[in-house]
């Protein structure tokens, strides 16, 4: 017997009031067409799970390649007889491609179909990984890494955008938490997996490992991801070539300004930063004139969206502190060797991986806005404890607060992503998802430069590797205290900006 479903906005879920377990397999998304009619796309739980498996792989693979190449840089330098500065471009080429193109590919997904563009992204990433593994020279490896970054940008942007078309709206938090878990697993697994692959099979395998994963993901995506729906309003849009080029050049200039100079902000960095500012001005002017802009500037009038993107950038800036300051503090101030430093540092990503999916379930249960504030409060407490407990209780005095910070970071990520993507119209999911990923990437890039500079200044030295243990400890306290203050500022944004939704009254659960 089929029981009529109850309608939730654009989605229908029969299990919301069907109690027999055998009926809980019914999950029926309802897609609203521009003319107001609807078309049902009936999918059982098994199909949704396989679709989520594909999206999970699409988040895991780019995250894995963000960290797996780092451990191979010394080996690659010997293999290609290149300097360390040249080898840094193996990482930088990948990150620059993601940062500069992620918004643009999200917009292309909105125009040409998110499923179609995600399939292209998976295929491109897989093929580029093969090219990386067989590259005979460093320039060809760098070119392949750039292509791999383009594929990664498509996967990262469109994976989040596809959540709204894959799961019922009331389960968005759980799906976002799962994707957050997969991202953390990829980042955590990269160094250890890369080290083993290089030791056993050679450097080529750190790239070739993506080929079977990519083929499996492509097959899953083709079979289980929901088909693109026809939307004339979106399909009539055209790619904004001028806006895309200006944004890409602007983001590239900013990323290079923050990463070049090996910790010193010199004339070249200032010039690149000025170019980025000029690029923003030109981009805003161009977007105001073009008929089908890459980014509609009017969307930033939405306080919830602007606040969510701003908070994502700020929190990512702060979370980078644990990666920049942590290794120096643990080795220079506490005296741990490299193996122990690596083990202690892995506690953060591991906790983030373990808490991502449960955090998503909690967001679905208690509401995204409430849990955004909860996550920020927890992060502020954890960062404050890291500063206060400096030098006390040894490794435990660092790991305990780190667990508090990273678990609440997972909560913030799941809730903030859910709050942003739930309020986005279907025709803008791709570009907003790209902006969400961009805000996180820009935060990480900024955090590496800014928080690193604060740490160096607070330690009273220009070369942190030669600083005394006491100076490093002082620098660590000031840097983490600064991070806590930035989270408090983010909390104020959350309270004032996310407390009101655009033209809507929040439910009691969301207040």
Protein backbone atom coordinates (compact mmCIF):
# COMPACT_ATOMS: atom_id res chain seq x y z
CA UNK A 1 0.00 0.00 0.00
CA UNK A 2 1.35 3.43 -0.85
CA UNK A 3 0.66 6.18 1.62
CA UNK A 4 0.35 9.74 0.29
CA UNK A 5 3.41 11.77 1.21
CA UNK A 6 3.44 15.00 3.18
CA UNK A 7 5.02 17.95 1.37
CA UNK A 8 8.01 19.81 2.83
CA UNK A 9 8.75 22.80 0.54
CA UNK A 10 10.55 21.17 -2.43
CA UNK A 11 10.76 17.72 -0.87
CA UNK A 12 8.50 14.90 0.16
CA UNK A 13 9.36 12.22 2.68
CA UNK A 14 6.80 9.53 3.39
CA UNK A 15 8.81 8.28 6.37
CA UNK A 16 7.93 11.39 8.37
CA UNK A 17 4.67 9.86 9.44
CA UNK A 18 4.92 6.21 8.40
CA UNK A 19 6.01 4.19 11.41
CA UNK A 20 6.38 0.62 10.08
CA UNK A 21 10.09 -0.04 9.37
CA UNK A 22 9.42 -1.51 5.96
CA UNK A 23 7.83 1.76 4.88
CA UNK A 24 10.84 3.84 5.92
CA UNK A 25 12.53 2.98 2.63
CA UNK A 26 10.38 5.56 0.90
CA UNK A 27 12.19 8.84 0.28
CA UNK A 28 10.56 10.89 -2.45
CA UNK A 29 12.06 14.25 -3.45
CA UNK A 30 9.58 16.53 -5.20
CA UNK A 31 11.18 18.92 -7.72
CA UNK A 32 9.41 22.16 -8.38
CA UNK A 33 9.42 23.37 -11.99
CA UNK A 34 9.46 27.05 -13.03
CA UNK A 35 5.81 26.91 -14.08
CA UNK A 36 4.78 25.87 -10.56
CA UNK A 37 4.15 22.21 -11.36
CA UNK A 38 6.06 19.41 -9.71
CA UNK A 39 7.58 16.14 -10.78
CA UNK A 40 8.28 13.30 -8.40
CA UNK A 41 11.57 11.45 -8.47
CA UNK A 42 11.05 8.35 -6.34
CA UNK A 43 14.24 6.94 -4.83
CA UNK A 44 14.56 4.30 -2.17
CA UNK A 45 16.99 4.58 0.71
CA UNK A 46 19.50 2.29 -0.98
CA UNK A 47 19.79 4.57 -4.01
CA UNK A 48 20.19 7.64 -1.81
CA UNK A 49 22.94 5.92 0.14
CA UNK A 50 24.84 5.00 -3.03
CA UNK A 51 24.44 8.58 -4.26
CA UNK A 52 25.86 9.81 -0.95
CA UNK A 53 28.71 7.33 -1.35
CA UNK A 54 29.56 8.98 -4.68
CA UNK A 55 29.38 12.47 -3.16
CA UNK A 56 31.55 11.28 -0.26
CA UNK A 57 34.22 10.03 -2.66
CA UNK A 58 33.97 13.31 -4.55
CA UNK A 59 34.85 15.11 -1.31
CA UNK A 60 37.46 12.60 -0.13
CA UNK A 61 39.61 12.55 -3.30
CA UNK A 62 40.38 16.31 -3.55
CA UNK A 63 41.03 16.50 0.21
CA UNK A 64 43.37 13.52 0.02
CA UNK A 65 45.41 15.16 -2.74
CA UNK A 66 45.66 18.40 -0.80
CA UNK A 67 47.85 16.68 1.80
CA UNK A 68 49.23 13.53 0.15
CA UNK A 69 51.65 15.40 -2.13
CA UNK A 70 53.30 17.30 0.74
CA UNK A 71 54.96 14.20 2.15
CA UNK A 72 56.39 13.36 -1.28
CA UNK A 73 58.13 16.70 -1.94
CA UNK A 74 61.61 15.56 -0.82
CA UNK A 75 61.34 12.41 -2.95
CA UNK A 76 60.05 14.40 -5.93
CA UNK A 77 62.91 16.90 -5.55
CA UNK A 78 65.42 14.06 -5.87
CA UNK A 79 63.55 12.40 -8.73
CA UNK A 80 63.42 15.60 -10.83
CA UNK A 81 66.69 17.10 -9.51
CA UNK A 82 64.83 20.26 -8.50
CA UNK A 83 65.12 22.78 -5.64
CA UNK A 84 62.72 22.90 -2.72
CA UNK A 85 61.33 26.24 -4.00
CA UNK A 86 60.54 24.63 -7.36
CA UNK A 87 58.91 21.64 -5.66
CA UNK A 88 56.58 23.91 -3.67
CA UNK A 89 54.75 24.54 -6.96
CA UNK A 90 53.59 20.90 -6.93
CA UNK A 91 51.38 21.92 -4.01
CA UNK A 92 50.79 25.53 -5.06
CA UNK A 93 49.67 24.70 -8.62
CA UNK A 94 46.95 22.43 -7.22
CA UNK A 95 45.75 24.90 -4.58
CA UNK A 96 45.82 27.87 -6.96
CA UNK A 97 43.68 26.05 -9.51
CA UNK A 98 41.10 25.21 -6.84
CA UNK A 99 41.06 28.69 -5.33
CA UNK A 100 40.84 30.62 -8.60
CA UNK A 101 38.28 28.44 -10.38
CA UNK A 102 35.96 27.02 -7.72
CA UNK A 103 33.32 29.77 -7.99
CA UNK A 104 33.39 29.75 -11.78
CA UNK A 105 32.88 25.99 -12.08
CA UNK A 106 30.02 26.22 -9.59
CA UNK A 107 28.33 28.75 -11.87
CA UNK A 108 28.94 26.50 -14.90
CA UNK A 109 27.18 23.72 -13.00
CA UNK A 110 24.16 25.99 -12.51
CA UNK A 111 24.06 26.75 -16.26
CA UNK A 112 24.89 23.42 -17.87
CA UNK A 113 23.78 20.98 -15.16
CA UNK A 114 25.44 20.12 -11.86
CA UNK A 115 25.43 16.36 -12.39
CA UNK A 116 26.95 16.75 -15.87
CA UNK A 117 29.70 19.06 -14.66
CA UNK A 118 30.43 16.86 -11.63
CA UNK A 119 30.90 13.86 -13.91
CA UNK A 120 33.30 15.92 -16.03
CA UNK A 121 35.14 16.95 -12.88
CA UNK A 122 35.53 13.37 -11.65
CA UNK A 123 36.75 12.25 -15.07
CA UNK A 124 39.19 15.17 -15.38
CA UNK A 125 40.57 14.62 -11.87
CA UNK A 126 41.08 10.92 -12.55
CA UNK A 127 42.76 11.50 -15.91
CA UNK A 128 44.98 14.26 -14.49
CA UNK A 129 46.02 11.94 -11.65
CA UNK A 130 47.15 9.41 -14.26
CA UNK A 131 49.14 12.13 -16.06
CA UNK A 132 50.76 13.14 -12.74
CA UNK A 133 51.85 9.57 -12.11
CA UNK A 134 53.49 9.15 -15.52
CA UNK A 135 54.88 12.70 -15.93
CA UNK A 136 58.52 12.47 -17.14
CA UNK A 137 59.46 16.08 -16.31
CA UNK A 138 58.62 18.63 -13.61
CA UNK A 139 56.87 21.12 -15.98
CA UNK A 140 54.54 18.34 -17.18
CA UNK A 141 53.88 17.31 -13.57
CA UNK A 142 52.98 20.89 -12.68
CA UNK A 143 50.65 21.14 -15.70
CA UNK A 144 48.96 17.88 -14.67
CA UNK A 145 48.62 19.16 -11.09
CA UNK A 146 46.89 22.27 -12.43
CA UNK A 147 44.41 20.11 -14.36
CA UNK A 148 43.95 17.99 -11.26
CA UNK A 149 43.16 21.17 -9.32
CA UNK A 150 40.52 22.11 -11.91
CA UNK A 151 38.89 18.71 -11.51
CA UNK A 152 39.10 19.05 -7.72
CA UNK A 153 37.42 22.49 -7.87
CA UNK A 154 34.53 21.02 -9.86
CA UNK A 155 34.15 18.14 -7.42
CA UNK A 156 34.34 20.27 -4.27
CA UNK A 157 31.91 22.93 -5.49
CA UNK A 158 29.32 20.67 -7.09
CA UNK A 159 29.37 17.95 -4.42
CA UNK A 160 27.95 20.34 -1.83
CA UNK A 161 25.51 21.75 -4.40
CA UNK A 162 24.22 18.24 -5.23
CA UNK A 163 23.19 17.58 -1.61
CA UNK A 164 19.97 19.53 -2.09
CA UNK A 165 19.00 17.29 -5.01
CA UNK A 166 20.04 14.02 -3.39
CA UNK A 167 18.61 13.99 0.15
CA UNK A 168 15.43 15.37 1.71
CA UNK A 169 15.80 18.89 3.04
CA UNK A 170 15.33 17.84 6.66
CA UNK A 171 18.44 15.66 6.38
CA UNK A 172 20.73 18.31 4.91
CA UNK A 173 22.68 18.64 8.16
CA UNK A 174 23.51 14.93 8.26
CA UNK A 175 24.71 15.00 4.65
CA UNK A 176 26.84 18.09 5.27
CA UNK A 177 28.31 16.44 8.36
CA UNK A 178 29.15 13.34 6.33
CA UNK A 179 30.92 15.41 3.68
CA UNK A 180 32.83 17.22 6.42
CA UNK A 181 33.90 13.87 7.82
CA UNK A 182 35.14 12.70 4.42
CA UNK A 183 37.09 15.92 3.93
CA UNK A 184 38.76 15.50 7.32
CA UNK A 185 39.52 11.84 6.61
CA UNK A 186 41.19 12.76 3.33
CA UNK A 187 43.31 15.45 5.00
CA UNK A 188 44.24 13.11 7.88
CA UNK A 189 44.93 10.07 5.71
CA UNK A 190 47.06 11.90 3.12
CA UNK A 191 50.46 12.09 4.88
CA UNK A 192 50.44 8.55 6.29
CA UNK A 193 49.08 6.95 3.10
CA UNK A 194 51.50 8.95 0.97
CA UNK A 195 54.45 7.89 3.09
CA UNK A 196 53.55 4.22 2.82
CA UNK A 197 52.94 4.36 -0.93
CA UNK A 198 56.26 6.10 -1.58
CA UNK A 199 58.16 3.65 0.64
CA UNK A 200 56.58 0.56 -0.93
CA UNK A 201 55.90 1.47 -4.57
CA UNK A 202 57.47 4.84 -5.44
CA UNK A 203 56.31 8.46 -5.71
CA UNK A 204 54.14 7.79 -8.76
CA UNK A 205 51.59 5.89 -6.67
CA UNK A 206 50.61 8.93 -4.56
CA UNK A 207 48.89 10.15 -7.72
CA UNK A 208 47.97 6.85 -9.35
CA UNK A 209 46.00 5.78 -6.25
CA UNK A 210 43.29 8.20 -7.44
CA UNK A 211 42.71 6.28 -10.69
CA UNK A 212 40.79 3.27 -9.27
CA UNK A 213 38.99 5.56 -6.81
CA UNK A 214 38.01 7.88 -9.66
CA UNK A 215 36.75 5.07 -11.89
CA UNK A 216 34.65 3.64 -9.05
CA UNK A 217 33.30 7.11 -8.25
CA UNK A 218 32.45 7.78 -11.89
CA UNK A 219 30.47 4.55 -12.12
CA UNK A 220 28.57 5.33 -8.92
CA UNK A 221 27.81 8.89 -10.04
CA UNK A 222 26.54 7.79 -13.45
CA UNK A 223 24.30 5.16 -11.89
CA UNK A 224 22.91 6.88 -8.79
CA UNK A 225 23.18 10.68 -8.89
CA UNK A 226 19.86 12.33 -9.79
CA UNK A 227 19.55 13.64 -13.33
CA UNK A 228 19.81 17.36 -14.00
CA UNK A 229 16.42 18.97 -14.19
CA UNK A 230 15.49 21.27 -17.03
CA UNK A 231 15.27 24.88 -15.86
CA UNK A 232 14.80 27.42 -18.63
CA UNK A 233 15.64 30.35 -16.41
CA UNK A 234 19.05 28.91 -15.62
CA UNK A 235 19.67 27.34 -19.02
CA UNK A 236 19.26 30.73 -20.70
CA UNK A 237 22.26 32.03 -18.75
CA UNK A 238 25.64 32.32 -20.42
CA UNK A 239 29.10 31.92 -18.92
CA UNK A 240 30.50 35.28 -17.82
CA UNK A 241 33.93 35.16 -19.47
CA UNK A 242 35.09 38.62 -18.33
CA UNK A 243 33.93 38.11 -14.75
CA UNK A 244 35.45 34.62 -14.64
CA UNK A 245 38.83 35.91 -15.86
CA UNK A 246 38.87 38.89 -13.50
CA UNK A 247 37.92 36.78 -10.49
CA UNK A 248 40.50 34.11 -11.33
CA UNK A 249 43.29 36.70 -11.69
CA UNK A 250 42.20 38.47 -8.50
CA UNK A 251 42.15 35.30 -6.44
CA UNK A 252 45.46 34.13 -7.91
CA UNK A 253 47.08 37.47 -7.01
CA UNK A 254 45.75 37.29 -3.45
CA UNK A 255 46.78 33.66 -2.98
CA UNK A 256 50.30 34.36 -4.27
CA UNK A 257 50.56 37.47 -2.08
CA UNK A 258 49.79 35.36 0.99
CA UNK A 259 52.02 32.38 0.10
CA UNK A 260 55.13 33.75 -1.64
CA UNK A 261 58.15 35.12 0.17
CA UNK A 262 58.64 32.24 2.63
CA UNK A 263 57.18 34.12 5.58
CA UNK A 264 58.39 37.61 4.57
CA UNK A 265 55.91 40.13 3.21
CA UNK A 266 58.09 42.06 0.74
CA UNK A 267 57.64 44.33 -2.25
CA UNK A 268 56.40 41.51 -4.49
CA UNK A 269 53.75 40.55 -1.94
CA UNK A 270 52.57 44.15 -1.62
CA UNK A 271 52.37 44.46 -5.39
CA UNK A 272 50.30 41.29 -5.67
CA UNK A 273 48.01 42.45 -2.86
CA UNK A 274 47.49 45.78 -4.63
CA UNK A 275 46.71 43.89 -7.85
CA UNK A 276 44.13 41.81 -5.95
CA UNK A 277 42.44 44.95 -4.59
CA UNK A 278 42.36 46.49 -8.07
CA UNK A 279 40.98 43.21 -9.41
CA UNK A 280 38.12 43.29 -6.91
CA UNK A 281 37.17 46.82 -7.99
CA UNK A 282 37.23 45.85 -11.68
CA UNK A 283 35.28 42.66 -10.97
CA UNK A 284 32.50 44.51 -9.12
CA UNK A 285 32.28 47.07 -11.94
CA UNK A 286 32.12 44.33 -14.59
CA UNK A 287 29.49 42.31 -12.74
CA UNK A 288 27.24 45.36 -12.44
CA UNK A 289 27.28 45.78 -16.24
CA UNK A 290 27.03 42.24 -17.61
CA UNK A 291 23.62 40.70 -18.35
CA UNK A 292 24.36 37.24 -16.94
CA UNK A 293 26.97 37.85 -14.20
CA UNK A 294 29.12 35.21 -12.56
CA UNK A 295 28.02 36.57 -9.18
CA UNK A 296 24.87 38.59 -8.71
CA UNK A 297 25.98 41.39 -6.39
CA UNK A 298 22.45 41.69 -5.03
CA UNK A 299 22.83 38.30 -3.31
CA UNK A 300 25.20 39.90 -0.79
CA UNK A 301 22.30 41.96 0.53
CA UNK A 302 21.15 38.74 2.15
CA UNK A 303 22.49 39.14 5.71
CA UNK A 304 22.40 35.39 6.37
CA UNK A 305 24.45 34.53 3.28
CA UNK A 306 27.01 37.31 3.79
CA UNK A 307 27.37 36.46 7.47
CA UNK A 308 27.76 32.75 6.73
CA UNK A 309 30.49 33.29 4.14
CA UNK A 310 32.30 35.79 6.36
CA UNK A 311 32.18 33.44 9.34
CA UNK A 312 33.50 30.56 7.24
CA UNK A 313 36.53 32.65 6.22
CA UNK A 314 37.21 33.87 9.77
CA UNK A 315 36.92 30.45 11.37
CA UNK A 316 39.17 28.89 8.72
CA UNK A 317 41.72 31.63 9.38
CA UNK A 318 41.73 30.72 13.06
CA UNK A 319 41.78 26.94 12.58
CA UNK A 320 44.95 27.36 10.55
CA UNK A 321 46.64 28.45 13.80
CA UNK A 322 46.74 24.86 15.02
CA UNK A 323 48.59 23.81 11.86
CA UNK A 324 51.01 26.76 11.77
CA UNK A 325 51.80 27.20 15.47
CA UNK A 326 51.29 23.66 16.75
CA UNK A 327 54.39 21.97 15.27
CA UNK A 328 56.79 24.70 16.46
CA UNK A 329 55.27 24.84 19.94
CA UNK A 330 55.32 21.08 20.40
CA UNK A 331 58.90 20.70 19.16
CA UNK A 332 60.58 23.90 20.36
CA UNK A 333 58.74 24.61 23.64
CA UNK A 334 57.74 21.12 24.79
CA UNK A 335 60.67 19.27 23.26
CA UNK A 336 58.82 16.48 21.40
CA UNK A 337 60.54 14.73 18.51
CA UNK A 338 59.12 14.63 14.99
CA UNK A 339 57.25 11.34 15.46
CA UNK A 340 55.50 12.55 18.62
CA UNK A 341 54.69 15.91 17.04
CA UNK A 342 53.05 14.14 14.11
CA UNK A 343 51.03 11.89 16.41
CA UNK A 344 49.83 14.79 18.55
CA UNK A 345 48.99 16.92 15.50
CA UNK A 346 46.92 14.10 14.01
CA UNK A 347 44.54 14.24 16.99
CA UNK A 348 42.82 17.33 15.58
CA UNK A 349 41.92 16.01 12.11
CA UNK A 350 41.05 12.62 13.61
CA UNK A 351 38.56 14.17 16.03
CA UNK A 352 37.12 16.29 13.21
CA UNK A 353 36.65 13.15 11.10
CA UNK A 354 34.96 11.26 13.94
CA UNK A 355 32.61 14.09 14.93
CA UNK A 356 31.59 15.35 11.48
CA UNK A 357 28.63 13.03 10.86
CA UNK A 358 27.31 13.09 14.46
CA UNK A 359 27.52 16.89 14.31
CA UNK A 360 25.33 16.84 11.19
CA UNK A 361 22.73 14.72 12.97
CA UNK A 362 22.72 17.16 15.88
CA UNK A 363 22.24 20.07 13.45
CA UNK A 364 19.19 18.33 11.95
CA UNK A 365 17.82 17.79 15.44
CA UNK A 366 18.38 21.19 17.06
CA UNK A 367 18.66 23.63 14.15
CA UNK A 368 21.56 25.12 12.19
CA UNK A 369 21.61 28.59 13.72
CA UNK A 370 21.59 27.37 17.30
CA UNK A 371 24.40 24.88 16.63
CA UNK A 372 26.44 27.50 14.75
CA UNK A 373 26.55 29.56 17.92
CA UNK A 374 27.23 26.47 20.05
CA UNK A 375 30.18 25.47 17.85
CA UNK A 376 31.68 28.97 18.01
CA UNK A 377 31.36 29.13 21.80
CA UNK A 378 33.09 25.74 22.05
CA UNK A 379 35.91 26.90 19.77
CA UNK A 380 36.45 30.07 21.81
CA UNK A 381 36.64 28.01 25.01
CA UNK A 382 39.08 25.52 23.47
CA UNK A 383 41.38 28.24 22.08
CA UNK A 384 41.35 30.07 25.41
CA UNK A 385 42.30 26.87 27.23
CA UNK A 386 45.18 26.29 24.79
CA UNK A 387 46.58 29.70 25.75
CA UNK A 388 45.93 29.34 29.49
CA UNK A 389 47.26 25.78 29.81
CA UNK A 390 50.48 26.50 27.91
CA UNK A 391 53.30 24.51 29.50
CA UNK A 392 51.00 22.63 31.87
CA UNK A 393 50.22 18.92 31.80
CA UNK A 394 52.57 18.29 28.85
CA UNK A 395 50.96 16.83 25.75
CA UNK A 396 47.61 16.44 27.53
CA UNK A 397 47.46 20.20 28.09
CA UNK A 398 47.58 20.65 24.31
CA UNK A 399 45.58 17.65 23.08
CA UNK A 400 42.61 18.24 25.43
CA UNK A 401 41.88 21.80 24.25
CA UNK A 402 42.68 20.77 20.66
CA UNK A 403 39.92 18.15 20.84
CA UNK A 404 37.49 20.81 22.09
CA UNK A 405 38.47 23.14 19.23
CA UNK A 406 38.27 20.60 16.41
CA UNK A 407 35.06 18.90 17.55
CA UNK A 408 33.32 22.27 17.75
CA UNK A 409 34.85 23.24 14.41
CA UNK A 410 33.14 20.19 12.91
CA UNK A 411 29.89 21.38 14.51
CA UNK A 412 30.33 24.87 13.09
CA UNK A 413 31.12 23.57 9.60
CA UNK A 414 28.07 21.29 9.47
CA UNK A 415 25.69 23.94 10.83
CA UNK A 416 27.01 26.90 8.84
CA UNK A 417 27.06 24.95 5.56
CA UNK A 418 23.53 23.72 6.25
CA UNK A 419 22.24 27.20 7.07
CA UNK A 420 23.72 28.64 3.85
CA UNK A 421 22.72 25.88 1.44
CA UNK A 422 19.19 25.44 2.80
CA UNK A 423 18.37 29.06 2.00
CA UNK A 424 19.73 28.97 -1.56
CA UNK A 425 17.44 28.73 -4.57
CA UNK A 426 18.00 25.81 -6.92
CA UNK A 427 19.42 27.90 -9.76
CA UNK A 428 22.18 29.31 -7.51
CA UNK A 429 23.31 26.22 -5.60
CA UNK A 430 26.43 25.67 -7.67
CA UNK A 431 27.84 29.18 -7.45
CA UNK A 432 26.99 29.57 -3.73
CA UNK A 433 28.57 26.20 -2.99
CA UNK A 434 31.67 27.38 -4.83
CA UNK A 435 31.73 30.58 -2.80
CA UNK A 436 31.41 28.58 0.41
CA UNK A 437 34.42 26.45 -0.51
CA UNK A 438 36.28 29.58 -1.64
CA UNK A 439 35.68 31.33 1.68
CA UNK A 440 37.19 28.37 3.50
CA UNK A 441 40.22 28.21 1.18
CA UNK A 442 40.85 31.95 1.44
CA UNK A 443 40.60 31.68 5.22
CA UNK A 444 43.20 28.92 5.31
CA UNK A 445 45.54 30.86 3.01
CA UNK A 446 45.09 34.05 5.06
CA UNK A 447 45.53 32.17 8.32
CA UNK A 448 48.84 30.68 7.23
CA UNK A 449 50.19 34.18 6.52
CA UNK A 450 48.51 36.33 9.18
CA UNK A 451 48.55 33.94 12.14
CA UNK A 452 52.09 32.92 11.23
CA UNK A 453 53.12 36.60 11.28
CA UNK A 454 51.43 37.13 14.66
CA UNK A 455 53.24 34.07 16.03
CA UNK A 456 56.59 35.35 14.76
CA UNK A 457 56.06 38.88 16.13
CA UNK A 458 54.82 37.58 19.49
CA UNK A 459 57.90 35.35 19.73
CA UNK A 460 60.14 38.38 19.15
CA UNK A 461 62.09 36.85 16.26
CA UNK A 462 62.09 36.76 12.47
CA UNK A 463 63.31 33.14 12.42
CA UNK A 464 61.08 30.99 14.58
CA UNK A 465 63.34 27.96 14.10
CA UNK A 466 66.04 29.60 16.21
CA UNK A 467 63.78 31.11 18.89
CA UNK A 468 64.16 30.04 22.50
CA UNK A 469 61.57 27.71 24.10
CA UNK A 470 60.27 30.55 26.31
CA UNK A 471 59.87 32.87 23.31
CA UNK A 472 57.97 30.19 21.38
CA UNK A 473 55.72 29.54 24.40
CA UNK A 474 54.93 33.26 24.70
CA UNK A 475 54.23 33.49 20.99
CA UNK A 476 51.93 30.49 21.21
CA UNK A 477 49.89 32.05 24.05
CA UNK A 478 49.44 35.37 22.27
CA UNK A 479 48.57 33.73 18.95
CA UNK A 480 45.92 31.41 20.39
CA UNK A 481 44.50 34.24 22.50
CA UNK A 482 44.21 36.29 19.29
CA UNK A 483 42.46 33.33 17.67
CA UNK A 484 39.99 33.18 20.56
CA UNK A 485 39.22 36.91 20.12
CA UNK A 486 38.60 36.38 16.39
CA UNK A 487 36.16 33.59 17.23
CA UNK A 488 34.38 35.92 19.67
CA UNK A 489 34.07 38.44 16.84
CA UNK A 490 32.69 35.66 14.65
CA UNK A 491 30.23 34.79 17.40
CA UNK A 492 28.96 38.37 17.40
CA UNK A 493 28.40 38.08 13.64
CA UNK A 494 26.51 34.82 14.21
CA UNK A 495 24.24 36.34 16.82
CA UNK A 496 23.49 39.55 14.91
CA UNK A 497 23.60 38.24 11.34
CA UNK A 498 22.11 34.77 11.51
CA UNK A 499 19.41 35.64 14.03
CA UNK A 500 17.24 36.86 11.19
CA UNK A 501 16.57 35.04 7.94
CA UNK A 502 15.75 36.89 4.75
CA UNK A 503 12.12 37.89 4.88
CA UNK A 504 11.21 34.90 7.06
CA UNK A 505 10.23 34.22 10.64
CA UNK A 506 12.43 31.58 12.28
CA UNK A 507 10.89 28.55 13.85
CA UNK A 508 11.31 28.11 17.64
CA UNK A 509 13.86 25.35 16.96
CA UNK A 510 16.02 27.80 14.98
CA UNK A 511 15.96 30.56 17.61
